[in-house]
Amino acid sequence: MTLSEGQPAFLREREPSDRTEQAYPPLPEALVVPVYDNHTHLEIAHGADPIDYHEQLDRASAVGVRGVVQVGTDLETSRWSAEQAAREPRMLAAVAIHPNEAPGYDAAGGLDDALAEIADLASWPRVRAVGETGLDFYRTGEAGLAAQYRSFEAHIEIAKENGIALQIHDRDAHAEVIATLQRVGAPERTVFHCFSGDAELAAICAENGWYMSFAGNVTFKNAGNLREALEVAPRALLLVETDAPYLTPMPFRGRPNAPYLVPHTLRAMAAHLGTDVSMLAAQISSNSELVYGRWDDEPVQAS
């Protein structure tokens, strides 16, 4: 099934590129013990033959990925995430203004209103996280940093006020993210989405009880720092994600990613740690439910 022309623009396939023209990889061998993809963007259609998000979830179910956290990055995608999670039992939602989006809202005079709407969405029963929020010094220059900090701190407070998890986007800003969390006070359940640090950052996260979520890039040949961090991270603080449609794990790097490809990342993590895949899956599944709650503890609405 492909996305129809009648859907909102942000749900349609993005402009093709060398990366997005590739086909989706085949289904991996199913996991014996199921897990969750705790960070994905199903609103983004990629590839030569984009897959509707319902089929994405069906494929995930077929290989032992029992649920996902669908993540918003602006008002439009946060609304969509919350609305779909309210109707889809395999989906929970996270809502936020991405740090790279915050300066644009601020320049237009709309950041405070956007944050107020995120706060409203965060109160919905099947919205279980505020994110992705944080700091990104890679794409945003000096002029946008004040808006990033203000947005990040507001998101931290929204998560604490609603008693839900915080999903952090941290790019080239490790020290500043840590300093902000310690100054403002991190929520009880704080997740470093797509963990991008090294063993030193993993030790700091472990000391503070912050969760570390590993994506497909932990399988990349040049990602030795991530595998070293994985060795340091306590098993009780490990999560797994896709960040789909990006960061497709080996051996399919460069092709579109999707929640059904989590088994590749999980198996690579287990192999590096020298542990049984099912044991690691059971631990990560338990961790996911501790962070976000159970996927079936709030009824969904009729479509």
Protein backbone atom coordinates (compact mmCIF):
# COMPACT_ATOMS: atom_id res chain seq x y z
CA MET A 1 0.00 0.00 0.00
CA THR A 2 1.34 3.45 -0.88
CA LEU A 3 0.47 6.87 0.44
CA SER A 4 -2.34 8.53 -1.47
CA GLU A 5 -2.26 11.98 -3.00
CA GLY A 6 -5.19 12.95 -0.78
CA GLN A 7 -3.20 12.78 2.43
CA PRO A 8 -1.60 15.82 4.09
CA ALA A 9 1.61 17.01 2.49
CA PHE A 10 3.76 15.99 5.43
CA LEU A 11 2.59 12.38 4.99
CA ARG A 12 3.58 12.17 1.34
CA GLU A 13 6.87 10.88 0.05
CA ARG A 14 9.70 13.36 0.42
CA GLU A 15 11.75 14.45 -2.56
CA PRO A 16 13.66 11.46 -3.95
CA SER A 17 17.41 11.25 -3.52
CA ASP A 18 20.11 8.63 -3.94
CA ARG A 19 19.19 7.32 -0.49
CA THR A 20 15.40 7.34 -0.76
CA GLU A 21 15.13 5.67 -4.17
CA GLN A 22 16.19 2.33 -2.68
CA ALA A 23 13.65 -0.38 -1.93
CA TYR A 24 12.70 -1.40 1.60
CA PRO A 25 14.71 -4.41 2.82
CA PRO A 26 13.09 -7.86 3.24
CA LEU A 27 11.65 -8.98 6.55
CA PRO A 28 14.24 -10.36 8.98
CA GLU A 29 13.82 -13.57 10.94
CA ALA A 30 11.22 -13.00 13.64
CA LEU A 31 12.32 -12.52 17.24
CA VAL A 32 11.30 -15.21 19.71
CA VAL A 33 10.83 -12.62 22.46
CA PRO A 34 9.20 -9.40 21.18
CA VAL A 35 10.47 -5.86 21.71
CA TYR A 36 9.35 -2.28 21.06
CA ASP A 37 10.71 0.37 18.72
CA ASN A 38 10.79 3.32 21.10
CA HIS A 39 11.46 6.03 18.47
CA THR A 40 10.17 6.12 14.91
CA HIS A 41 8.73 8.59 12.39
CA LEU A 42 6.01 6.76 10.49
CA GLU A 43 4.69 10.01 9.03
CA ILE A 44 7.72 10.14 6.72
CA ALA A 45 7.44 8.01 3.58
CA HIS A 46 10.70 6.98 1.96
CA GLY A 47 11.89 4.72 -0.78
CA ALA A 48 10.99 3.85 -4.34
CA ASP A 49 7.73 2.29 -3.11
CA PRO A 50 6.69 4.01 0.15
CA ILE A 51 4.89 1.84 2.69
CA ASP A 52 1.73 3.01 4.44
CA TYR A 53 2.16 3.19 8.21
CA HIS A 54 -0.48 0.48 8.76
CA GLU A 55 1.61 -1.92 6.68
CA GLN A 56 4.72 -0.78 8.53
CA LEU A 57 3.07 -1.85 11.78
CA ASP A 58 1.83 -5.12 10.28
CA ARG A 59 5.35 -5.97 9.16
CA ALA A 60 6.68 -5.08 12.60
CA SER A 61 4.13 -7.33 14.29
CA ALA A 62 5.13 -10.20 11.99
CA VAL A 63 8.77 -10.14 13.16
CA GLY A 64 8.25 -9.60 16.89
CA VAL A 65 8.15 -5.82 17.21
CA ARG A 66 4.94 -5.50 19.19
CA GLY A 67 4.66 -1.70 19.34
CA VAL A 68 6.25 1.64 18.53
CA VAL A 69 6.57 5.13 19.95
CA GLN A 70 5.65 7.48 17.12
CA VAL A 71 7.52 10.77 17.53
CA GLY A 72 6.52 14.27 16.49
CA THR A 73 8.97 17.02 15.64
CA ASP A 74 6.68 20.03 15.11
CA LEU A 75 3.04 20.90 15.71
CA GLU A 76 1.73 19.15 12.63
CA THR A 77 3.55 15.86 13.19
CA SER A 78 2.91 15.98 16.95
CA ARG A 79 -0.83 16.35 16.36
CA TRP A 80 -0.75 13.49 13.87
CA SER A 81 1.23 11.28 16.25
CA ALA A 82 -1.17 11.90 19.13
CA GLU A 83 -4.24 11.34 16.94
CA GLN A 84 -2.97 8.09 15.43
CA ALA A 85 -1.85 6.72 18.80
CA ALA A 86 -5.34 7.39 20.16
CA ARG A 87 -6.72 4.95 17.55
CA GLU A 88 -3.88 2.45 17.01
CA PRO A 89 -3.18 -0.11 19.77
CA ARG A 90 0.36 -0.76 18.54
CA MET A 91 1.34 2.90 18.79
CA LEU A 92 2.10 5.32 21.60
CA ALA A 93 3.09 8.91 20.88
CA ALA A 94 5.75 11.45 21.78
CA VAL A 95 5.16 15.14 21.04
CA ALA A 96 7.56 18.08 20.82
CA ILE A 97 9.09 20.91 18.89
CA HIS A 98 12.42 19.58 17.59
CA PRO A 99 15.42 21.72 18.60
CA ASN A 100 16.07 22.56 14.96
CA GLU A 101 12.46 23.72 14.56
CA ALA A 102 12.39 25.90 17.69
CA PRO A 103 14.31 28.86 16.18
CA GLY A 104 11.86 29.07 13.27
CA TYR A 105 8.85 29.15 15.59
CA ASP A 106 10.62 31.75 17.71
CA ALA A 107 11.49 33.97 14.73
CA ALA A 108 7.84 33.89 13.67
CA GLY A 109 6.72 34.83 17.17
CA GLY A 110 4.98 31.50 17.69
CA LEU A 111 7.21 29.48 19.99
CA ASP A 112 5.20 30.14 23.16
CA ASP A 113 1.94 29.18 21.46
CA ALA A 114 3.56 26.06 20.02
CA LEU A 115 4.84 25.02 23.44
CA ALA A 116 1.38 25.58 24.90
CA GLU A 117 -0.12 23.21 22.34
CA ILE A 118 2.58 20.61 23.02
CA ALA A 119 1.66 20.88 26.71
CA ASP A 120 -1.98 20.19 25.82
CA LEU A 121 -1.11 17.20 23.62
CA ALA A 122 1.14 15.81 26.37
CA SER A 123 -1.93 15.34 28.56
CA TRP A 124 -3.55 12.87 26.13
CA PRO A 125 -3.67 9.33 27.61
CA ARG A 126 -1.67 7.60 24.86
CA VAL A 127 0.96 10.35 24.61
CA ARG A 128 3.68 8.88 26.82
CA ALA A 129 6.69 11.07 26.12
CA VAL A 130 7.76 14.61 25.37
CA GLY A 131 10.24 14.51 22.55
CA GLU A 132 12.18 14.73 20.65
CA THR A 133 13.60 17.78 22.32
CA GLY A 134 17.09 18.85 23.32
CA LEU A 135 19.99 20.68 21.74
CA ASP A 136 21.51 20.43 18.27
CA PHE A 137 24.67 22.42 17.60
CA TYR A 138 25.23 20.70 14.24
CA ARG A 139 22.43 22.34 12.25
CA THR A 140 21.55 25.40 14.33
CA GLY A 141 23.92 28.34 14.54
CA GLU A 142 24.58 30.79 17.34
CA ALA A 143 21.53 32.91 16.50
CA GLY A 144 19.14 30.04 17.19
CA LEU A 145 20.62 28.68 20.41
CA ALA A 146 18.60 30.84 22.81
CA ALA A 147 15.38 29.49 21.30
CA GLN A 148 16.70 25.94 21.54
CA TYR A 149 17.53 26.33 25.24
CA ARG A 150 14.17 27.96 26.01
CA SER A 151 12.31 25.24 24.14
CA PHE A 152 14.32 22.43 25.76
CA GLU A 153 13.71 23.73 29.27
CA ALA A 154 9.99 24.15 28.57
CA HIS A 155 9.76 20.58 27.29
CA ILE A 156 11.48 19.28 30.42
CA GLU A 157 8.85 20.99 32.55
CA ILE A 158 6.00 19.67 30.38
CA ALA A 159 7.28 16.12 30.84
CA LYS A 160 7.53 16.53 34.60
CA GLU A 161 4.11 18.17 34.91
CA ASN A 162 2.50 15.24 33.07
CA GLY A 163 4.58 12.51 34.67
CA ILE A 164 5.75 11.14 31.32
CA ALA A 165 9.11 10.38 29.77
CA LEU A 166 11.46 12.81 28.06
CA GLN A 167 13.10 11.86 24.76
CA ILE A 168 16.29 13.82 24.13
CA HIS A 169 17.81 14.78 20.79
CA ASP A 170 21.49 15.47 21.47
CA ARG A 171 23.75 16.32 18.55
CA ASP A 172 27.19 17.81 19.17
CA ALA A 173 25.90 19.11 22.50
CA HIS A 174 26.61 16.43 25.11
CA ALA A 175 27.99 18.70 27.83
CA GLU A 176 25.30 21.33 27.35
CA VAL A 177 22.47 18.79 27.42
CA ILE A 178 23.80 17.27 30.64
CA ALA A 179 24.26 20.69 32.22
CA THR A 180 20.69 21.67 31.33
CA LEU A 181 19.22 18.46 32.72
CA GLN A 182 21.13 18.89 35.96
CA ARG A 183 20.27 22.58 36.30
CA VAL A 184 16.56 22.27 35.50
CA GLY A 185 16.09 18.78 36.94
CA ALA A 186 15.58 15.81 34.65
CA PRO A 187 12.28 13.93 34.58
CA GLU A 188 12.24 10.59 36.35
CA ARG A 189 12.35 8.79 32.99
CA THR A 190 14.79 10.45 30.62
CA VAL A 191 15.88 8.81 27.36
CA PHE A 192 18.85 9.74 25.19
CA HIS A 193 17.27 8.90 21.83
CA CYS A 194 19.65 7.62 19.15
CA PHE A 195 22.48 7.60 21.68
CA SER A 196 25.42 9.33 20.00
CA GLY A 197 28.03 9.55 22.74
CA ASP A 198 30.86 7.38 23.92
CA ALA A 199 31.66 5.33 27.00
CA GLU A 200 32.16 8.50 29.06
CA LEU A 201 28.66 9.79 28.26
CA ALA A 202 27.22 6.32 28.88
CA ALA A 203 28.79 6.32 32.35
CA ILE A 204 27.24 9.73 33.10
CA CYS A 205 23.84 8.49 31.94
CA ALA A 206 24.20 5.38 34.07
CA GLU A 207 25.11 7.45 37.11
CA ASN A 208 21.96 9.54 36.66
CA GLY A 209 19.64 6.67 35.75
CA TRP A 210 19.06 7.99 32.22
CA TYR A 211 18.08 5.50 29.54
CA MET A 212 20.18 5.01 26.42
CA SER A 213 18.40 4.10 23.20
CA PHE A 214 20.53 2.57 20.45
CA ALA A 215 19.59 2.82 16.78
CA GLY A 216 20.83 1.11 13.63
CA ASN A 217 24.04 3.12 13.54
CA VAL A 218 25.40 0.97 16.38
CA THR A 219 25.87 -1.66 13.63
CA PHE A 220 27.98 0.62 11.40
CA LYS A 221 31.63 -0.30 10.96
CA ASN A 222 32.83 3.18 12.01
CA ALA A 223 30.66 3.32 15.16
CA GLY A 224 33.16 1.91 17.63
CA ASN A 225 32.33 4.65 20.13
CA LEU A 226 28.69 3.49 20.24
CA ARG A 227 29.66 -0.12 20.83
CA GLU A 228 32.02 0.96 23.61
CA ALA A 229 29.13 2.91 25.15
CA LEU A 230 26.92 -0.16 24.82
CA GLU A 231 29.42 -2.13 26.88
CA VAL A 232 29.26 0.47 29.67
CA ALA A 233 25.48 0.95 29.70
CA PRO A 234 23.64 -1.09 32.38
CA ARG A 235 21.23 -3.56 30.79
CA ALA A 236 18.42 -2.04 32.89
CA LEU A 237 18.89 1.27 31.03
CA LEU A 238 19.01 -0.07 27.46
CA LEU A 239 16.39 0.64 24.79
CA VAL A 240 16.34 0.00 21.05
CA GLU A 241 14.92 2.10 18.22
CA THR A 242 14.97 2.68 14.50
CA ASP A 243 14.66 6.48 14.12
CA ALA A 244 13.03 5.31 10.89
CA PRO A 245 13.20 6.03 8.06
CA TYR A 246 16.82 6.90 8.87
CA LEU A 247 19.84 4.96 10.21
CA THR A 248 18.98 1.63 8.65
CA PRO A 249 21.09 -1.11 10.28
CA MET A 250 23.62 -3.22 8.46
CA PRO A 251 23.53 -5.00 6.08
CA PHE A 252 20.97 -2.58 4.58
CA ARG A 253 22.58 0.77 5.35
CA GLY A 254 21.41 3.41 2.86
CA ARG A 255 18.00 1.83 2.25
CA PRO A 256 14.80 3.05 3.99
CA ASN A 257 14.45 2.05 7.62
CA ALA A 258 11.27 0.82 9.34
CA PRO A 259 10.26 -0.65 12.71
CA TYR A 260 10.28 -4.19 11.31
CA LEU A 261 14.08 -3.91 10.98
CA VAL A 262 14.65 -3.62 14.75
CA PRO A 263 15.66 -7.31 14.93
CA HIS A 264 18.85 -6.55 12.99
CA THR A 265 19.92 -3.93 15.53
CA LEU A 266 18.92 -6.05 18.51
CA ARG A 267 20.84 -9.07 17.24
CA ALA A 268 23.92 -6.94 16.60
CA MET A 269 23.72 -5.54 20.13
CA ALA A 270 23.38 -9.01 21.63
CA ALA A 271 26.30 -10.32 19.57
CA HIS A 272 28.55 -7.47 20.70
CA LEU A 273 27.58 -7.96 24.32
CA GLY A 274 27.99 -11.72 24.07
CA THR A 275 24.50 -12.38 25.38
CA ASP A 276 21.46 -14.32 24.23
CA VAL A 277 19.16 -12.40 21.88
CA SER A 278 16.00 -13.46 23.71
CA MET A 279 17.41 -12.47 27.09
CA LEU A 280 18.35 -9.03 25.78
CA ALA A 281 14.94 -8.68 24.11
CA ALA A 282 13.18 -9.51 27.36
CA GLN A 283 15.24 -6.92 29.24
CA ILE A 284 14.66 -4.20 26.64
CA SER A 285 10.93 -4.98 26.44
CA SER A 286 10.66 -4.65 30.21
CA ASN A 287 12.66 -1.41 30.14
CA SER A 288 10.37 0.01 27.44
CA GLU A 289 7.27 -0.67 29.50
CA LEU A 290 8.89 0.89 32.57
CA VAL A 291 9.59 4.06 30.58
CA TYR A 292 6.36 4.40 28.61
CA GLY A 293 3.86 2.14 30.36
CA ARG A 294 2.08 -0.72 28.67
CA TRP A 295 0.77 -0.25 25.15
CA ASP A 296 -2.56 -1.85 26.14
CA ASP A 297 -3.27 -0.08 29.43
CA GLU A 298 -5.31 2.69 27.77
CA PRO A 299 -8.15 1.79 25.38
CA VAL A 300 -7.97 3.11 21.85
CA GLN A 301 -10.77 5.04 20.16
CA ALA A 302 -12.80 3.66 17.29
CA SER A 303 -11.36 4.69 13.94
